[in-house]
Amino acid sequence: MMAGRDTYYVRLSLMDPKPGERERVVKMHEDLVTWLPGQPGFVRGYVIVSGDPLDRVGHMNVWRSMHDADQAAQTDHVLAIRSALLPLIDKDSHAEHSYETYAPTGA
């Protein structure tokens, strides 16, 4: 952690929907991101619909801490969405990335 700076924890989730399932998969990510604001430590969320070099979709969430992100990931709601997504995506396409970040002064 960077002393004296606002630090954040970012989670990025990307996946390749099976043919004909893209709209449904994006809607599930949207449902997730719109549900998360009620969770402790949630800062901001985004649904990813284009720009990925492999044409995957997903979401990116910003948290106050890894602990907050982990707690939300273990809720029944998030686990249910993840379970519902599995049959709709190519199983080897799901990528999860996490980052510790900070906002530079003046940003």
PDB file of N, CA and C in Angstrom:
ATOM      1  N   MET A   1       0.836  -1.183   0.000  1.00  0.00           N
ATOM      2  CA  MET A   1       0.000   0.000   0.000  1.00  0.00           C
ATOM      3  C   MET A   1       0.883   1.249   0.000  1.00  0.00           C
ATOM      4  N   MET A   2       0.396   2.260  -0.640  1.00  0.00           N
ATOM      5  CA  MET A   2       1.118   3.516  -0.747  1.00  0.00           C
ATOM      6  C   MET A   2       0.650   4.440   0.371  1.00  0.00           C
ATOM      7  N   ALA A   3       1.519   4.735   1.320  1.00  0.00           N
ATOM      8  CA  ALA A   3       1.165   5.574   2.458  1.00  0.00           C
ATOM      9  C   ALA A   3       0.701   6.947   1.982  1.00  0.00           C
ATOM     10  N   GLY A   4      -0.395   7.415   2.558  1.00  0.00           N
ATOM     11  CA  GLY A   4      -0.895   8.740   2.236  1.00  0.00           C
ATOM     12  C   GLY A   4      -1.667   8.834   0.926  1.00  0.00           C
ATOM     13  N   ARG A   5      -1.913   7.734   0.269  1.00  0.00           N
ATOM     14  CA  ARG A   5      -2.661   7.746  -1.001  1.00  0.00           C
ATOM     15  C   ARG A   5      -3.935   6.923  -0.859  1.00  0.00           C
ATOM     16  N   ASP A   6      -4.941   7.295  -1.626  1.00  0.00           N
ATOM     17  CA  ASP A   6      -6.154   6.493  -1.670  1.00  0.00           C
ATOM     18  C   ASP A   6      -5.865   5.222  -2.443  1.00  0.00           C
ATOM     19  N   THR A   7      -5.973   4.085  -1.766  1.00  0.00           N
ATOM     20  CA  THR A   7      -5.707   2.813  -2.426  1.00  0.00           C
ATOM     21  C   THR A   7      -7.022   2.094  -2.697  1.00  0.00           C
ATOM     22  N   TYR A   8      -7.032   1.313  -3.753  1.00  0.00           N
ATOM     23  CA  TYR A   8      -8.218   0.572  -4.157  1.00  0.00           C
ATOM     24  C   TYR A   8      -7.805  -0.822  -4.601  1.00  0.00           C
ATOM     25  N   TYR A   9      -8.772  -1.702  -4.579  1.00  0.00           N
ATOM     26  CA  TYR A   9      -8.582  -3.063  -5.060  1.00  0.00           C
ATOM     27  C   TYR A   9      -9.530  -3.238  -6.245  1.00  0.00           C
ATOM     28  N   VAL A  10      -9.002  -3.674  -7.384  1.00  0.00           N
ATOM     29  CA  VAL A  10      -9.793  -3.790  -8.606  1.00  0.00           C
ATOM     30  C   VAL A  10      -9.844  -5.245  -9.040  1.00  0.00           C
ATOM     31  N   ARG A  11     -11.048  -5.703  -9.355  1.00  0.00           N
ATOM     32  CA  ARG A  11     -11.231  -7.045  -9.895  1.00  0.00           C
ATOM     33  C   ARG A  11     -11.799  -6.933 -11.298  1.00  0.00           C
ATOM     34  N   LEU A  12     -11.206  -7.697 -12.200  1.00  0.00           N
ATOM     35  CA  LEU A  12     -11.614  -7.741 -13.599  1.00  0.00           C
ATOM     36  C   LEU A  12     -11.993  -9.176 -13.940  1.00  0.00           C
ATOM     37  N   SER A  13     -13.163  -9.362 -14.520  1.00  0.00           N
ATOM     38  CA  SER A  13     -13.639 -10.681 -14.907  1.00  0.00           C
ATOM     39  C   SER A  13     -14.054 -10.635 -16.375  1.00  0.00           C
ATOM     40  N   LEU A  14     -13.446 -11.500 -17.196  1.00  0.00           N
ATOM     41  CA  LEU A  14     -13.740 -11.557 -18.627  1.00  0.00           C
ATOM     42  C   LEU A  14     -14.056 -12.984 -19.043  1.00  0.00           C
ATOM     43  N   MET A  15     -14.960 -13.125 -20.008  1.00  0.00           N
ATOM     44  CA  MET A  15     -15.334 -14.454 -20.491  1.00  0.00           C
ATOM     45  C   MET A  15     -15.919 -14.367 -21.889  1.00  0.00           C
ATOM     46  N   ASP A  16     -15.873 -15.482 -22.586  1.00  0.00           N
ATOM     47  CA  ASP A  16     -16.369 -15.575 -23.955  1.00  0.00           C
ATOM     48  C   ASP A  16     -17.706 -16.315 -23.948  1.00  0.00           C
ATOM     49  N   PRO A  17     -18.809 -15.610 -24.233  1.00  0.00           N
ATOM     50  CA  PRO A  17     -20.101 -16.292 -24.270  1.00  0.00           C
ATOM     51  C   PRO A  17     -20.163 -17.316 -25.405  1.00  0.00           C
ATOM     52  N   LYS A  18     -20.922 -18.369 -25.179  1.00  0.00           N
ATOM     53  CA  LYS A  18     -21.179 -19.341 -26.235  1.00  0.00           C
ATOM     54  C   LYS A  18     -22.023 -18.658 -27.320  1.00  0.00           C
ATOM     55  N   PRO A  19     -22.001 -19.194 -28.531  1.00  0.00           N
ATOM     56  CA  PRO A  19     -22.801 -18.591 -29.614  1.00  0.00           C
ATOM     57  C   PRO A  19     -24.265 -18.405 -29.198  1.00  0.00           C
ATOM     58  N   GLY A  20     -24.786 -17.212 -29.446  1.00  0.00           N
ATOM     59  CA  GLY A  20     -26.167 -16.891 -29.126  1.00  0.00           C
ATOM     60  C   GLY A  20     -26.420 -16.487 -27.691  1.00  0.00           C
ATOM     61  N   GLU A  21     -25.400 -16.480 -26.837  1.00  0.00           N
ATOM     62  CA  GLU A  21     -25.576 -16.187 -25.413  1.00  0.00           C
ATOM     63  C   GLU A  21     -24.996 -14.835 -24.976  1.00  0.00           C
ATOM     64  N   ARG A  22     -24.403 -14.077 -25.909  1.00  0.00           N
ATOM     65  CA  ARG A  22     -23.717 -12.833 -25.546  1.00  0.00           C
ATOM     66  C   ARG A  22     -24.638 -11.857 -24.796  1.00  0.00           C
ATOM     67  N   GLU A  23     -25.810 -11.603 -25.332  1.00  0.00           N
ATOM     68  CA  GLU A  23     -26.722 -10.646 -24.706  1.00  0.00           C
ATOM     69  C   GLU A  23     -27.104 -11.093 -23.293  1.00  0.00           C
ATOM     70  N   ARG A  24     -27.377 -12.356 -23.139  1.00  0.00           N
ATOM     71  CA  ARG A  24     -27.745 -12.900 -21.824  1.00  0.00           C
ATOM     72  C   ARG A  24     -26.591 -12.794 -20.832  1.00  0.00           C
ATOM     73  N   VAL A  25     -25.375 -13.084 -21.281  1.00  0.00           N
ATOM     74  CA  VAL A  25     -24.202 -12.997 -20.408  1.00  0.00           C
ATOM     75  C   VAL A  25     -23.948 -11.546 -19.995  1.00  0.00           C
ATOM     76  N   VAL A  26     -24.041 -10.622 -20.937  1.00  0.00           N
ATOM     77  CA  VAL A  26     -23.850  -9.202 -20.608  1.00  0.00           C
ATOM     78  C   VAL A  26     -24.901  -8.751 -19.597  1.00  0.00           C
ATOM     79  N   LYS A  27     -26.146  -9.178 -19.778  1.00  0.00           N
ATOM     80  CA  LYS A  27     -27.217  -8.804 -18.840  1.00  0.00           C
ATOM     81  C   LYS A  27     -26.918  -9.336 -17.439  1.00  0.00           C
ATOM     82  N   MET A  28     -26.357 -10.510 -17.343  1.00  0.00           N
ATOM     83  CA  MET A  28     -26.022 -11.056 -16.022  1.00  0.00           C
ATOM     84  C   MET A  28     -24.918 -10.246 -15.356  1.00  0.00           C
ATOM     85  N   HIS A  29     -23.940  -9.794 -16.140  1.00  0.00           N
ATOM     86  CA  HIS A  29     -22.899  -8.926 -15.580  1.00  0.00           C
ATOM     87  C   HIS A  29     -23.504  -7.596 -15.149  1.00  0.00           C
ATOM     88  N   GLU A  30     -24.420  -7.079 -15.932  1.00  0.00           N
ATOM     89  CA  GLU A  30     -25.097  -5.830 -15.569  1.00  0.00           C
ATOM     90  C   GLU A  30     -25.872  -6.009 -14.263  1.00  0.00           C
ATOM     91  N   ASP A  31     -26.586  -7.108 -14.137  1.00  0.00           N
ATOM     92  CA  ASP A  31     -27.331  -7.376 -12.901  1.00  0.00           C
ATOM     93  C   ASP A  31     -26.391  -7.437 -11.697  1.00  0.00           C
ATOM     94  N   LEU A  32     -25.251  -8.062 -11.877  1.00  0.00           N
ATOM     95  CA  LEU A  32     -24.273  -8.149 -10.793  1.00  0.00           C
ATOM     96  C   LEU A  32     -23.767  -6.764 -10.404  1.00  0.00           C
ATOM     97  N   VAL A  33     -23.341  -6.000 -11.387  1.00  0.00           N
ATOM     98  CA  VAL A  33     -22.760  -4.677 -11.105  1.00  0.00           C
ATOM     99  C   VAL A  33     -23.791  -3.731 -10.492  1.00  0.00           C
ATOM    100  N   THR A  34     -25.056  -3.861 -10.864  1.00  0.00           N
ATOM    101  CA  THR A  34     -26.075  -2.988 -10.262  1.00  0.00           C
ATOM    102  C   THR A  34     -26.472  -3.450  -8.863  1.00  0.00           C
ATOM    103  N   TRP A  35     -26.194  -4.707  -8.508  1.00  0.00           N
ATOM    104  CA  TRP A  35     -26.484  -5.205  -7.164  1.00  0.00           C
ATOM    105  C   TRP A  35     -25.386  -4.845  -6.170  1.00  0.00           C
ATOM    106  N   LEU A  36     -24.153  -4.752  -6.618  1.00  0.00           N
ATOM    107  CA  LEU A  36     -22.999  -4.588  -5.735  1.00  0.00           C
ATOM    108  C   LEU A  36     -22.957  -3.295  -4.910  1.00  0.00           C
ATOM    109  N   PRO A  37     -23.546  -2.182  -5.326  1.00  0.00           N
ATOM    110  CA  PRO A  37     -23.432  -0.968  -4.503  1.00  0.00           C
ATOM    111  C   PRO A  37     -23.903  -1.107  -3.061  1.00  0.00           C
ATOM    112  N   GLY A  38     -24.707  -2.079  -2.747  1.00  0.00           N
ATOM    113  CA  GLY A  38     -25.134  -2.292  -1.366  1.00  0.00           C
ATOM    114  C   GLY A  38     -24.117  -3.033  -0.513  1.00  0.00           C
ATOM    115  N   GLN A  39     -23.007  -3.448  -1.109  1.00  0.00           N
ATOM    116  CA  GLN A  39     -22.010  -4.237  -0.385  1.00  0.00           C
ATOM    117  C   GLN A  39     -20.939  -3.340   0.245  1.00  0.00           C
ATOM    118  N   PRO A  40     -20.499  -3.669   1.462  1.00  0.00           N
ATOM    119  CA  PRO A  40     -19.460  -2.871   2.116  1.00  0.00           C
ATOM    120  C   PRO A  40     -18.195  -2.773   1.269  1.00  0.00           C
ATOM    121  N   GLY A  41     -17.665  -1.577   1.150  1.00  0.00           N
ATOM    122  CA  GLY A  41     -16.405  -1.351   0.457  1.00  0.00           C
ATOM    123  C   GLY A  41     -16.506  -1.205  -1.044  1.00  0.00           C
ATOM    124  N   PHE A  42     -17.697  -1.365  -1.609  1.00  0.00           N
ATOM    125  CA  PHE A  42     -17.844  -1.213  -3.050  1.00  0.00           C
ATOM    126  C   PHE A  42     -17.702   0.259  -3.426  1.00  0.00           C
ATOM    127  N   VAL A  43     -16.888   0.551  -4.452  1.00  0.00           N
ATOM    128  CA  VAL A  43     -16.660   1.920  -4.895  1.00  0.00           C
ATOM    129  C   VAL A  43     -17.360   2.189  -6.220  1.00  0.00           C
ATOM    130  N   ARG A  44     -17.117   1.326  -7.197  1.00  0.00           N
ATOM    131  CA  ARG A  44     -17.650   1.559  -8.551  1.00  0.00           C
ATOM    132  C   ARG A  44     -17.574   0.271  -9.350  1.00  0.00           C
ATOM    133  N   GLY A  45     -18.491   0.102 -10.294  1.00  0.00           N
ATOM    134  CA  GLY A  45     -18.473  -1.069 -11.153  1.00  0.00           C
ATOM    135  C   GLY A  45     -18.748  -0.700 -12.596  1.00  0.00           C
ATOM    136  N   TYR A  46     -18.226  -1.506 -13.493  1.00  0.00           N
ATOM    137  CA  TYR A  46     -18.379  -1.277 -14.920  1.00  0.00           C
ATOM    138  C   TYR A  46     -18.651  -2.605 -15.619  1.00  0.00           C
ATOM    139  N   VAL A  47     -19.533  -2.590 -16.609  1.00  0.00           N
ATOM    140  CA  VAL A  47     -19.765  -3.749 -17.458  1.00  0.00           C
ATOM    141  C   VAL A  47     -18.910  -3.575 -18.703  1.00  0.00           C
ATOM    142  N   ILE A  48     -18.199  -4.609 -19.094  1.00  0.00           N
ATOM    143  CA  ILE A  48     -17.312  -4.560 -20.256  1.00  0.00           C
ATOM    144  C   ILE A  48     -18.018  -5.245 -21.419  1.00  0.00           C
ATOM    145  N   VAL A  49     -18.257  -4.481 -22.499  1.00  0.00           N
ATOM    146  CA  VAL A  49     -18.986  -5.027 -23.642  1.00  0.00           C
ATOM    147  C   VAL A  49     -18.164  -5.054 -24.930  1.00  0.00           C
ATOM    148  N   SER A  50     -17.066  -4.328 -24.975  1.00  0.00           N
ATOM    149  CA  SER A  50     -16.221  -4.354 -26.173  1.00  0.00           C
ATOM    150  C   SER A  50     -14.820  -3.884 -25.809  1.00  0.00           C
ATOM    151  N   GLY A  51     -13.916  -4.094 -26.750  1.00  0.00           N
ATOM    152  CA  GLY A  51     -12.543  -3.641 -26.560  1.00  0.00           C
ATOM    153  C   GLY A  51     -11.564  -4.726 -26.180  1.00  0.00           C
ATOM    154  N   ASP A  52     -12.058  -5.859 -25.704  1.00  0.00           N
ATOM    155  CA  ASP A  52     -11.159  -6.948 -25.339  1.00  0.00           C
ATOM    156  C   ASP A  52     -10.602  -7.576 -26.621  1.00  0.00           C
ATOM    157  N   PRO A  53      -9.285  -7.803 -26.691  1.00  0.00           N
ATOM    158  CA  PRO A  53      -8.697  -8.381 -27.911  1.00  0.00           C
ATOM    159  C   PRO A  53      -9.272  -9.749 -28.289  1.00  0.00           C
ATOM    160  N   LEU A  54      -9.805 -10.486 -27.294  1.00  0.00           N
ATOM    161  CA  LEU A  54     -10.393 -11.794 -27.567  1.00  0.00           C
ATOM    162  C   LEU A  54     -11.918 -11.724 -27.656  1.00  0.00           C
ATOM    163  N   ASP A  55     -12.456 -10.504 -27.674  1.00  0.00           N
ATOM    164  CA  ASP A  55     -13.897 -10.252 -27.789  1.00  0.00           C
ATOM    165  C   ASP A  55     -14.693 -10.818 -26.614  1.00  0.00           C
ATOM    166  N   ARG A  56     -14.055 -10.873 -25.448  1.00  0.00           N
ATOM    167  CA  ARG A  56     -14.757 -11.323 -24.250  1.00  0.00           C
ATOM    168  C   ARG A  56     -15.568 -10.168 -23.666  1.00  0.00           C
ATOM    169  N   VAL A  57     -16.521 -10.488 -22.822  1.00  0.00           N
ATOM    170  CA  VAL A  57     -17.312  -9.517 -22.078  1.00  0.00           C
ATOM    171  C   VAL A  57     -17.103  -9.798 -20.594  1.00  0.00           C
ATOM    172  N   GLY A  58     -17.557  -8.876 -19.756  1.00  0.00           N
ATOM    173  CA  GLY A  58     -17.413  -9.111 -18.326  1.00  0.00           C
ATOM    174  C   GLY A  58     -17.700  -7.871 -17.511  1.00  0.00           C
ATOM    175  N   HIS A  59     -16.970  -7.754 -16.413  1.00  0.00           N
ATOM    176  CA  HIS A  59     -17.146  -6.596 -15.548  1.00  0.00           C
ATOM    177  C   HIS A  59     -15.843  -6.281 -14.809  1.00  0.00           C
ATOM    178  N   MET A  60     -15.769  -5.042 -14.352  1.00  0.00           N
ATOM    179  CA  MET A  60     -14.648  -4.595 -13.532  1.00  0.00           C
ATOM    180  C   MET A  60     -15.243  -3.851 -12.343  1.00  0.00           C
ATOM    181  N   ASN A  61     -14.801  -4.222 -11.152  1.00  0.00           N
ATOM    182  CA  ASN A  61     -15.298  -3.591  -9.938  1.00  0.00           C
ATOM    183  C   ASN A  61     -14.144  -3.022  -9.132  1.00  0.00           C
ATOM    184  N   VAL A  62     -14.391  -1.876  -8.542  1.00  0.00           N
ATOM    185  CA  VAL A  62     -13.410  -1.202  -7.701  1.00  0.00           C
ATOM    186  C   VAL A  62     -13.896  -1.293  -6.257  1.00  0.00           C
ATOM    187  N   TRP A  63     -12.987  -1.701  -5.382  1.00  0.00           N
ATOM    188  CA  TRP A  63     -13.293  -1.928  -3.967  1.00  0.00           C
ATOM    189  C   TRP A  63     -12.320  -1.157  -3.084  1.00  0.00           C
ATOM    190  N   ARG A  64     -12.706  -0.929  -1.853  1.00  0.00           N
ATOM    191  CA  ARG A  64     -11.811  -0.305  -0.868  1.00  0.00           C
ATOM    192  C   ARG A  64     -10.711  -1.267  -0.451  1.00  0.00           C
ATOM    193  N   SER A  65     -11.004  -2.579  -0.471  1.00  0.00           N
ATOM    194  CA  SER A  65      -9.990  -3.548  -0.044  1.00  0.00           C
ATOM    195  C   SER A  65     -10.265  -4.920  -0.662  1.00  0.00           C
ATOM    196  N   MET A  66      -9.255  -5.760  -0.660  1.00  0.00           N
ATOM    197  CA  MET A  66      -9.410  -7.127  -1.116  1.00  0.00           C
ATOM    198  C   MET A  66     -10.407  -7.863  -0.216  1.00  0.00           C
ATOM    199  N   HIS A  67     -10.371  -7.587   1.067  1.00  0.00           N
ATOM    200  CA  HIS A  67     -11.299  -8.218   1.998  1.00  0.00           C
ATOM    201  C   HIS A  67     -12.746  -7.926   1.610  1.00  0.00           C
ATOM    202  N   ASP A  68     -13.045  -6.670   1.295  1.00  0.00           N
ATOM    203  CA  ASP A  68     -14.404  -6.310   0.890  1.00  0.00           C
ATOM    204  C   ASP A  68     -14.815  -7.067  -0.371  1.00  0.00           C
ATOM    205  N   ALA A  69     -13.920  -7.134  -1.346  1.00  0.00           N
ATOM    206  CA  ALA A  69     -14.207  -7.849  -2.599  1.00  0.00           C
ATOM    207  C   ALA A  69     -14.443  -9.330  -2.325  1.00  0.00           C
ATOM    208  N   ASP A  70     -13.611  -9.920  -1.478  1.00  0.00           N
ATOM    209  CA  ASP A  70     -13.751 -11.338  -1.152  1.00  0.00           C
ATOM    210  C   ASP A  70     -15.068 -11.623  -0.436  1.00  0.00           C
ATOM    211  N   GLN A  71     -15.455 -10.736   0.476  1.00  0.00           N
ATOM    212  CA  GLN A  71     -16.716 -10.925   1.208  1.00  0.00           C
ATOM    213  C   GLN A  71     -17.898 -10.901   0.245  1.00  0.00           C
ATOM    214  N   ALA A  72     -17.910  -9.950  -0.665  1.00  0.00           N
ATOM    215  CA  ALA A  72     -19.010  -9.852  -1.635  1.00  0.00           C
ATOM    216  C   ALA A  72     -19.034 -11.068  -2.551  1.00  0.00           C
ATOM    217  N   ALA A  73     -17.859 -11.552  -2.934  1.00  0.00           N
ATOM    218  CA  ALA A  73     -17.776 -12.699  -3.848  1.00  0.00           C
ATOM    219  C   ALA A  73     -18.351 -13.968  -3.227  1.00  0.00           C
ATOM    220  N   GLN A  74     -18.456 -14.020  -1.915  1.00  0.00           N
ATOM    221  CA  GLN A  74     -18.961 -15.209  -1.232  1.00  0.00           C
ATOM    222  C   GLN A  74     -20.437 -15.113  -0.866  1.00  0.00           C
ATOM    223  N   THR A  75     -21.103 -14.037  -1.275  1.00  0.00           N
ATOM    224  CA  THR A  75     -22.531 -13.923  -0.980  1.00  0.00           C
ATOM    225  C   THR A  75     -23.323 -14.877  -1.861  1.00  0.00           C
ATOM    226  N   ASP A  76     -24.488 -15.266  -1.393  1.00  0.00           N
ATOM    227  CA  ASP A  76     -25.342 -16.170  -2.157  1.00  0.00           C
ATOM    228  C   ASP A  76     -25.673 -15.585  -3.529  1.00  0.00           C
ATOM    229  N   HIS A  77     -25.897 -14.272  -3.595  1.00  0.00           N
ATOM    230  CA  HIS A  77     -26.265 -13.633  -4.855  1.00  0.00           C
ATOM    231  C   HIS A  77     -25.158 -13.760  -5.896  1.00  0.00           C
ATOM    232  N   VAL A  78     -23.944 -13.434  -5.514  1.00  0.00           N
ATOM    233  CA  VAL A  78     -22.820 -13.513  -6.452  1.00  0.00           C
ATOM    234  C   VAL A  78     -22.548 -14.965  -6.843  1.00  0.00           C
ATOM    235  N   LEU A  79     -22.582 -15.860  -5.891  1.00  0.00           N
ATOM    236  CA  LEU A  79     -22.354 -17.273  -6.196  1.00  0.00           C
ATOM    237  C   LEU A  79     -23.417 -17.820  -7.150  1.00  0.00           C
ATOM    238  N   ALA A  80     -24.660 -17.380  -6.998  1.00  0.00           N
ATOM    239  CA  ALA A  80     -25.736 -17.825  -7.889  1.00  0.00           C
ATOM    240  C   ALA A  80     -25.517 -17.313  -9.311  1.00  0.00           C
ATOM    241  N   ILE A  81     -25.096 -16.065  -9.450  1.00  0.00           N
ATOM    242  CA  ILE A  81     -24.830 -15.529 -10.786  1.00  0.00           C
ATOM    243  C   ILE A  81     -23.668 -16.262 -11.433  1.00  0.00           C
ATOM    244  N   ARG A  82     -22.616 -16.470 -10.679  1.00  0.00           N
ATOM    245  CA  ARG A  82     -21.462 -17.197 -11.233  1.00  0.00           C
ATOM    246  C   ARG A  82     -21.869 -18.597 -11.699  1.00  0.00           C
ATOM    247  N   SER A  83     -22.680 -19.270 -10.912  1.00  0.00           N
ATOM    248  CA  SER A  83     -23.141 -20.600 -11.270  1.00  0.00           C
ATOM    249  C   SER A  83     -24.005 -20.567 -12.539  1.00  0.00           C
ATOM    250  N   ALA A  84     -24.862 -19.561 -12.651  1.00  0.00           N
ATOM    251  CA  ALA A  84     -25.730 -19.436 -13.826  1.00  0.00           C
ATOM    252  C   ALA A  84     -24.941 -19.082 -15.082  1.00  0.00           C
ATOM    253  N   LEU A  85     -23.803 -18.414 -14.925  1.00  0.00           N
ATOM    254  CA  LEU A  85     -22.972 -18.046 -16.074  1.00  0.00           C
ATOM    255  C   LEU A  85     -22.240 -19.247 -16.675  1.00  0.00           C
ATOM    256  N   LEU A  86     -21.867 -20.200 -15.860  1.00  0.00           N
ATOM    257  CA  LEU A  86     -21.023 -21.313 -16.320  1.00  0.00           C
ATOM    258  C   LEU A  86     -21.532 -22.021 -17.575  1.00  0.00           C
ATOM    259  N   PRO A  87     -22.806 -22.375 -17.669  1.00  0.00           N
ATOM    260  CA  PRO A  87     -23.231 -23.067 -18.886  1.00  0.00           C
ATOM    261  C   PRO A  87     -23.354 -22.149 -20.109  1.00  0.00           C
ATOM    262  N   LEU A  88     -23.232 -20.842 -19.910  1.00  0.00           N
ATOM    263  CA  LEU A  88     -23.403 -19.876 -21.000  1.00  0.00           C
ATOM    264  C   LEU A  88     -22.094 -19.414 -21.618  1.00  0.00           C
ATOM    265  N   ILE A  89     -20.967 -19.852 -21.059  1.00  0.00           N
ATOM    266  CA  ILE A  89     -19.664 -19.372 -21.540  1.00  0.00           C
ATOM    267  C   ILE A  89     -18.768 -20.550 -21.922  1.00  0.00           C
ATOM    268  N   ASP A  90     -17.789 -20.259 -22.772  1.00  0.00           N
ATOM    269  CA  ASP A  90     -16.769 -21.263 -23.068  1.00  0.00           C
ATOM    270  C   ASP A  90     -15.940 -21.446 -21.804  1.00  0.00           C
ATOM    271  N   LYS A  91     -15.875 -22.673 -21.317  1.00  0.00           N
ATOM    272  CA  LYS A  91     -15.301 -22.931 -19.993  1.00  0.00           C
ATOM    273  C   LYS A  91     -13.853 -22.484 -19.837  1.00  0.00           C
ATOM    274  N   ASP A  92     -13.067 -22.537 -20.889  1.00  0.00           N
ATOM    275  CA  ASP A  92     -11.662 -22.148 -20.778  1.00  0.00           C
ATOM    276  C   ASP A  92     -11.424 -20.658 -21.014  1.00  0.00           C
ATOM    277  N   SER A  93     -12.491 -19.897 -21.223  1.00  0.00           N
ATOM    278  CA  SER A  93     -12.325 -18.477 -21.548  1.00  0.00           C
ATOM    279  C   SER A  93     -12.380 -17.563 -20.332  1.00  0.00           C
ATOM    280  N   HIS A  94     -12.839 -18.069 -19.204  1.00  0.00           N
ATOM    281  CA  HIS A  94     -13.039 -17.206 -18.031  1.00  0.00           C
ATOM    282  C   HIS A  94     -11.705 -16.810 -17.413  1.00  0.00           C
ATOM    283  N   ALA A  95     -11.465 -15.495 -17.371  1.00  0.00           N
ATOM    284  CA  ALA A  95     -10.230 -14.969 -16.784  1.00  0.00           C
ATOM    285  C   ALA A  95     -10.588 -13.990 -15.677  1.00  0.00           C
ATOM    286  N   GLU A  96      -9.958 -14.158 -14.531  1.00  0.00           N
ATOM    287  CA  GLU A  96     -10.132 -13.258 -13.383  1.00  0.00           C
ATOM    288  C   GLU A  96      -8.786 -12.623 -13.080  1.00  0.00           C
ATOM    289  N   HIS A  97      -8.781 -11.309 -12.941  1.00  0.00           N
ATOM    290  CA  HIS A  97      -7.559 -10.589 -12.605  1.00  0.00           C
ATOM    291  C   HIS A  97      -7.862  -9.642 -11.455  1.00  0.00           C
ATOM    292  N   SER A  98      -6.901  -9.448 -10.583  1.00  0.00           N
ATOM    293  CA  SER A  98      -7.043  -8.533  -9.454  1.00  0.00           C
ATOM    294  C   SER A  98      -5.834  -7.633  -9.375  1.00  0.00           C
ATOM    295  N   TYR A  99      -6.078  -6.383  -8.956  1.00  0.00           N
ATOM    296  CA  TYR A  99      -5.014  -5.392  -8.919  1.00  0.00           C
ATOM    297  C   TYR A  99      -5.131  -4.539  -7.662  1.00  0.00           C
ATOM    298  N   GLU A 100      -4.002  -4.210  -7.063  1.00  0.00           N
ATOM    299  CA  GLU A 100      -3.958  -3.189  -6.031  1.00  0.00           C
ATOM    300  C   GLU A 100      -3.589  -1.899  -6.735  1.00  0.00           C
ATOM    301  N   THR A 101      -4.364  -0.853  -6.498  1.00  0.00           N
ATOM    302  CA  THR A 101      -4.157   0.403  -7.225  1.00  0.00           C
ATOM    303  C   THR A 101      -4.153   1.583  -6.248  1.00  0.00           C
ATOM    304  N   TYR A 102      -3.777   2.732  -6.763  1.00  0.00           N
ATOM    305  CA  TYR A 102      -3.924   3.974  -5.997  1.00  0.00           C
ATOM    306  C   TYR A 102      -4.235   5.111  -6.949  1.00  0.00           C
ATOM    307  N   ALA A 103      -4.866   6.122  -6.409  1.00  0.00           N
ATOM    308  CA  ALA A 103      -5.187   7.318  -7.180  1.00  0.00           C
ATOM    309  C   ALA A 103      -4.101   8.354  -6.889  1.00  0.00           C
ATOM    310  N   PRO A 104      -3.312   8.736  -7.894  1.00  0.00           N
ATOM    311  CA  PRO A 104      -2.279   9.747  -7.672  1.00  0.00           C
ATOM    312  C   PRO A 104      -2.905  11.063  -7.212  1.00  0.00           C
ATOM    313  N   THR A 105      -2.182  11.808  -6.446  1.00  0.00           N
ATOM    314  CA  THR A 105      -2.660  13.101  -5.988  1.00  0.00           C
ATOM    315  C   THR A 105      -3.032  13.960  -7.184  1.00  0.00           C
ATOM    316  N   GLY A 106      -4.222  14.530  -7.135  1.00  0.00           N
ATOM    317  CA  GLY A 106      -4.683  15.397  -8.209  1.00  0.00           C
ATOM    318  C   GLY A 106      -5.440  14.678  -9.303  1.00  0.00           C
ATOM    319  N   ALA A 107      -5.510  13.354  -9.227  1.00  0.00           N
ATOM    320  CA  ALA A 107      -6.212  12.612 -10.291  1.00  0.00           C
ATOM    321  C   ALA A 107      -7.705  12.606 -10.056  1.00  0.00           C
TER     322      ALA A 107
END
